[in-house]
Each structure stands twice: as structure tokens, then as C-alpha cells.
N, C-alpha and C. Protein backbone atom coordinates (compact mmCIF):
# COMPACT_ATOMS: atom_id res chain seq x y z
N UNK A 1 137.31 103.60 76.19
CA UNK A 1 136.53 104.57 76.87
C UNK A 1 137.29 105.06 78.03
N UNK A 2 137.18 106.50 77.86
CA UNK A 2 138.13 107.61 79.09
C UNK A 2 136.81 107.80 80.18
N UNK A 3 137.90 108.24 81.28
CA UNK A 3 137.31 108.62 82.52
C UNK A 3 136.36 109.54 82.42
N UNK A 4 136.34 110.59 81.63
CA UNK A 4 135.36 111.63 81.67
C UNK A 4 134.11 110.91 81.17
N UNK A 5 133.86 110.09 80.25
CA UNK A 5 133.07 109.41 79.52
C UNK A 5 132.21 108.37 80.49
N UNK A 6 133.08 107.87 81.37
CA UNK A 6 132.43 106.99 82.47
C UNK A 6 131.86 107.77 83.44
N UNK A 7 132.40 108.98 83.82
CA UNK A 7 131.95 109.60 84.75
C UNK A 7 130.43 110.35 84.47
N UNK A 8 130.42 110.99 83.20
CA UNK A 8 129.21 111.22 82.46
C UNK A 8 128.16 110.12 82.62
N UNK A 9 128.55 108.86 82.13
CA UNK A 9 127.52 107.79 82.25
C UNK A 9 127.09 107.67 83.63
N UNK A 10 127.86 107.51 84.52
CA UNK A 10 127.36 107.32 85.88
C UNK A 10 126.42 108.42 86.46
N UNK A 11 126.99 109.78 86.16
CA UNK A 11 126.30 110.74 86.54
C UNK A 11 124.56 110.75 85.95
N UNK A 12 124.49 110.50 84.83
CA UNK A 12 123.12 110.35 83.99
C UNK A 12 122.47 109.21 84.48
N UNK A 13 123.09 108.04 84.89
CA UNK A 13 122.45 107.06 85.62
C UNK A 13 121.75 107.26 86.69
N UNK A 14 122.85 108.03 87.86
CA UNK A 14 122.17 108.55 88.98
C UNK A 14 121.08 109.45 88.96
N UNK A 15 121.22 110.31 87.97
CA UNK A 15 119.79 111.19 87.75
C UNK A 15 118.73 110.52 87.38
N UNK A 16 119.07 109.65 86.69
CA UNK A 16 117.52 109.00 85.87
C UNK A 16 116.96 108.03 86.97
N UNK A 17 117.97 107.23 87.58
CA UNK A 17 117.44 106.41 88.42
C UNK A 17 116.90 107.19 89.80
N UNK A 18 117.42 108.16 90.20
CA UNK A 18 117.19 108.78 91.35
C UNK A 18 115.84 109.48 91.05
N UNK A 19 115.47 109.94 89.82
CA UNK A 19 114.21 110.34 89.52
C UNK A 19 113.13 109.37 89.64
N UNK A 20 113.53 108.11 89.22
CA UNK A 20 112.60 106.98 89.19
C UNK A 20 112.65 106.69 90.68
N UNK A 21 113.27 106.82 91.36
CA UNK A 21 113.40 106.52 93.06
C UNK A 21 112.19 107.41 93.61
N UNK A 22 112.54 108.55 93.36
CA UNK A 22 111.66 109.92 93.97
C UNK A 22 110.26 109.79 93.40
N UNK A 23 110.29 109.51 92.18
CA UNK A 23 108.75 109.25 91.56
C UNK A 23 107.95 108.23 92.31
N UNK A 24 108.55 107.19 92.56
CA UNK A 24 108.12 105.87 93.18
C UNK A 24 107.73 106.33 94.63
N UNK A 25 108.51 107.03 95.20
CA UNK A 25 108.38 107.20 96.47
C UNK A 25 107.19 108.21 96.73
N UNK A 26 106.95 109.41 95.78
CA UNK A 26 105.92 110.23 95.83
C UNK A 26 104.53 109.62 95.55
N UNK A 27 104.56 108.72 94.30
CA UNK A 27 103.39 107.94 93.99
C UNK A 27 102.81 107.29 95.23
N UNK A 28 103.77 106.51 95.79
CA UNK A 28 103.38 105.64 97.16
C UNK A 28 102.85 106.56 98.25
N UNK A 29 103.52 107.79 98.50
CA UNK A 29 103.04 108.62 99.51
C UNK A 29 101.59 109.35 99.24
N UNK A 30 101.30 109.95 97.84
CA UNK A 30 100.40 110.75 97.42
C UNK A 30 99.22 109.84 96.65
N UNK A 31 99.37 108.89 96.34
CA UNK A 31 98.38 107.84 95.78
C UNK A 31 98.71 106.47 95.73
N UNK A 32 98.51 105.92 97.08
CA UNK A 32 98.81 104.57 97.39
C UNK A 32 97.58 103.91 96.77
N UNK A 33 96.26 104.36 96.66
CA UNK A 33 95.26 103.71 96.06
C UNK A 33 95.45 103.52 94.73
N UNK A 34 95.85 104.35 93.83
CA UNK A 34 96.02 104.42 92.43
C UNK A 34 97.13 103.40 92.03
N UNK A 35 98.02 103.34 92.89
CA UNK A 35 99.16 102.41 92.64
C UNK A 35 98.69 100.90 92.91
N UNK A 36 97.99 100.70 94.10
CA UNK A 36 97.35 99.65 94.16
C UNK A 36 96.36 98.80 93.37
N UNK A 37 95.54 99.73 92.77
CA UNK A 37 94.62 99.40 91.94
C UNK A 37 95.28 98.85 90.44
N UNK A 38 96.21 99.93 90.24
CA UNK A 38 97.02 99.69 88.91
C UNK A 38 97.71 98.23 88.99
N UNK A 39 98.30 98.07 90.20
CA UNK A 39 99.01 96.68 90.26
C UNK A 39 98.28 95.55 90.39
N UNK A 40 96.95 95.84 91.15
CA UNK A 40 96.38 94.79 91.30
C UNK A 40 95.71 93.68 90.30
N UNK A 41 95.55 94.49 89.19
CA UNK A 41 95.36 93.84 87.70
C UNK A 41 96.23 92.65 87.28
N UNK A 42 97.43 92.91 87.67
CA UNK A 42 98.70 91.95 87.28
C UNK A 42 99.05 91.03 88.41
N UNK A 43 98.82 91.64 89.57
CA UNK A 43 99.27 90.84 90.76
C UNK A 43 98.50 91.06 92.06
N UNK A 44 97.49 89.93 91.98
CA UNK A 44 96.13 90.30 93.06
C UNK A 44 96.71 89.90 94.18
N UNK A 45 97.30 90.68 95.08
CA UNK A 45 97.66 90.73 96.56
C UNK A 45 96.80 91.55 97.43
N UNK A 46 96.66 91.07 98.85
CA UNK A 46 96.10 91.87 99.70
C UNK A 46 96.78 93.19 99.96
N UNK A 47 96.05 93.92 100.62
CA UNK A 47 96.43 95.37 100.96
C UNK A 47 97.82 95.28 101.58
N UNK A 48 97.88 94.66 102.88
CA UNK A 48 99.04 94.60 103.51
C UNK A 48 100.25 93.84 102.68
N UNK A 49 100.13 92.95 102.22
CA UNK A 49 101.01 92.13 101.56
C UNK A 49 101.44 93.25 100.47
N UNK A 50 100.65 93.89 99.67
CA UNK A 50 101.08 95.00 98.75
C UNK A 50 101.98 95.72 99.26
N UNK A 51 101.51 96.39 100.61
CA UNK A 51 102.28 97.53 101.05
C UNK A 51 103.86 97.13 101.43
N UNK A 52 103.63 95.76 101.87
CA UNK A 52 105.26 95.22 102.53
C UNK A 52 105.90 95.05 101.29
N UNK A 53 105.31 94.58 100.31
CA UNK A 53 106.26 94.23 99.11
C UNK A 53 106.73 95.65 98.43
N UNK A 54 105.97 96.53 98.27
CA UNK A 54 106.53 97.89 97.74
C UNK A 54 107.41 98.54 98.60
N UNK A 55 107.48 98.47 100.11
CA UNK A 55 108.13 99.13 101.08
C UNK A 55 109.90 98.04 100.88
N UNK A 56 109.61 96.85 100.61
CA UNK A 56 110.87 95.92 100.59
C UNK A 56 111.43 96.43 99.07
N UNK A 57 110.63 96.58 97.88
CA UNK A 57 111.19 96.83 96.56
C UNK A 57 112.04 98.37 96.77
N UNK A 58 111.21 99.23 97.44
CA UNK A 58 111.83 100.38 97.69
C UNK A 58 113.22 100.61 98.14
N UNK A 59 113.22 99.61 99.43
CA UNK A 59 114.34 99.71 100.15
C UNK A 59 115.61 98.99 99.08
N UNK A 60 115.24 98.00 98.54
CA UNK A 60 116.12 97.14 97.42
C UNK A 60 116.60 98.00 96.39
N UNK A 61 115.71 98.71 95.84
CA UNK A 61 115.98 99.74 94.81
C UNK A 61 116.91 100.86 95.40
N UNK A 62 116.75 101.54 96.66
CA UNK A 62 117.47 102.43 96.96
C UNK A 62 118.87 102.05 97.27
N UNK A 63 119.20 100.58 97.67
CA UNK A 63 120.38 100.09 98.03
C UNK A 63 121.12 99.91 96.70
N UNK A 64 120.32 99.18 95.85
CA UNK A 64 121.23 98.78 94.24
C UNK A 64 121.39 100.44 93.61
N UNK A 65 120.44 101.33 94.02
CA UNK A 65 120.92 102.80 93.50
C UNK A 65 122.14 103.39 94.03
N UNK A 66 122.29 103.42 95.35
CA UNK A 66 123.31 103.79 95.94
C UNK A 66 124.95 103.06 95.55
N UNK A 67 124.70 101.64 95.52
CA UNK A 67 125.86 100.76 95.13
C UNK A 67 126.27 100.98 93.69
N UNK A 68 125.24 100.99 92.73
CA UNK A 68 125.53 100.88 91.30
C UNK A 68 125.52 102.08 90.53
N UNK A 69 125.17 103.18 90.98
CA UNK A 69 124.90 104.29 90.52
C UNK A 69 125.87 105.65 90.97
N UNK A 70 125.18 105.83 92.23
CA UNK A 70 126.00 106.99 93.05
C UNK A 70 127.42 106.74 93.49
N UNK A 71 127.73 105.48 94.14
CA UNK A 71 128.91 105.38 94.57
C UNK A 71 130.09 105.11 93.34
N UNK A 72 129.71 104.78 92.32
CA UNK A 72 130.87 104.64 91.10
C UNK A 72 131.06 106.14 90.57
N UNK A 73 129.88 107.01 90.70
CA UNK A 73 130.12 108.25 90.02
C UNK A 73 130.88 109.14 91.01
N UNK A 74 130.66 108.95 92.33
CA UNK A 74 131.48 109.63 93.23
C UNK A 74 133.05 109.13 93.37
N UNK A 75 133.42 107.84 92.99
CA UNK A 75 134.49 107.31 93.00
C UNK A 75 135.27 107.99 91.81
N UNK A 76 134.55 108.05 90.68
CA UNK A 76 135.08 108.56 89.61
C UNK A 76 135.52 110.03 89.62
N UNK A 77 134.79 110.82 90.42
CA UNK A 77 135.00 112.05 90.43
C UNK A 77 136.04 112.36 91.31
N UNK A 78 136.23 111.42 92.51
CA UNK A 78 137.33 111.71 93.43
C UNK A 78 138.74 111.28 92.53
N UNK A 79 138.78 109.94 91.73
CA UNK A 79 139.76 109.81 90.84
C UNK A 79 140.09 111.04 90.12
N UNK A 80 139.18 111.58 89.33
CA UNK A 80 139.37 112.53 88.38
C UNK A 80 139.92 113.62 88.92
N UNK A 81 139.52 113.96 90.30
CA UNK A 81 140.17 115.55 90.90
C UNK A 81 141.80 115.01 91.43
N UNK A 82 142.08 113.86 91.40
CA UNK A 82 143.40 113.56 91.66
C UNK A 82 143.77 113.32 93.16
N UNK A 83 142.70 113.21 93.97
CA UNK A 83 142.78 112.88 95.33
C UNK A 83 143.47 111.46 95.76
N UNK A 84 143.25 110.74 94.70
CA UNK A 84 143.44 109.21 94.92
C UNK A 84 144.77 108.85 94.81
């Protein structure tokens, strides 16, 4: 596996996961009732518990996105440019 292939892999992982994160945030902002009703079928939680859980999962997803997608892609770009 060469550096260009790894760079491309992490770039596309970052794009796809960033789009999922953005979609999740937009849905939670614009249609929270739809998300709550959809999830309530599988996980019957109160409204406040649901909101807190979604907030925590969004934060965790954002941290994992940064650590495992964006940072490796940036590091590979730096290595490829010869700055390291």
C-alpha cells in the first residue's frame, strides 16, 4: 500500500463521515420530532433523555471523526508534501 492510496482512502473516509455528521446535525436541528418518533419505535426514551443521548453521540462521533479520519488525512498530506 503506497502513501497516495492511503491519502485517498482517508480523504474519502473524511468526506463520507463528514457528510454523515452534517446530515445528523441538520436532521436534529430541522426535524427533531421526526428523528425522535423514528427512534422511539426501537428505543422508548423520554424526550429529555433522547435529546441528551443524541447530544452525547454527536459529540462522540465528532471526536472520533477528527481522530480517525481528518487527522490521519492531514498527517499524510504533510508527509507527502515533504515538510516532515
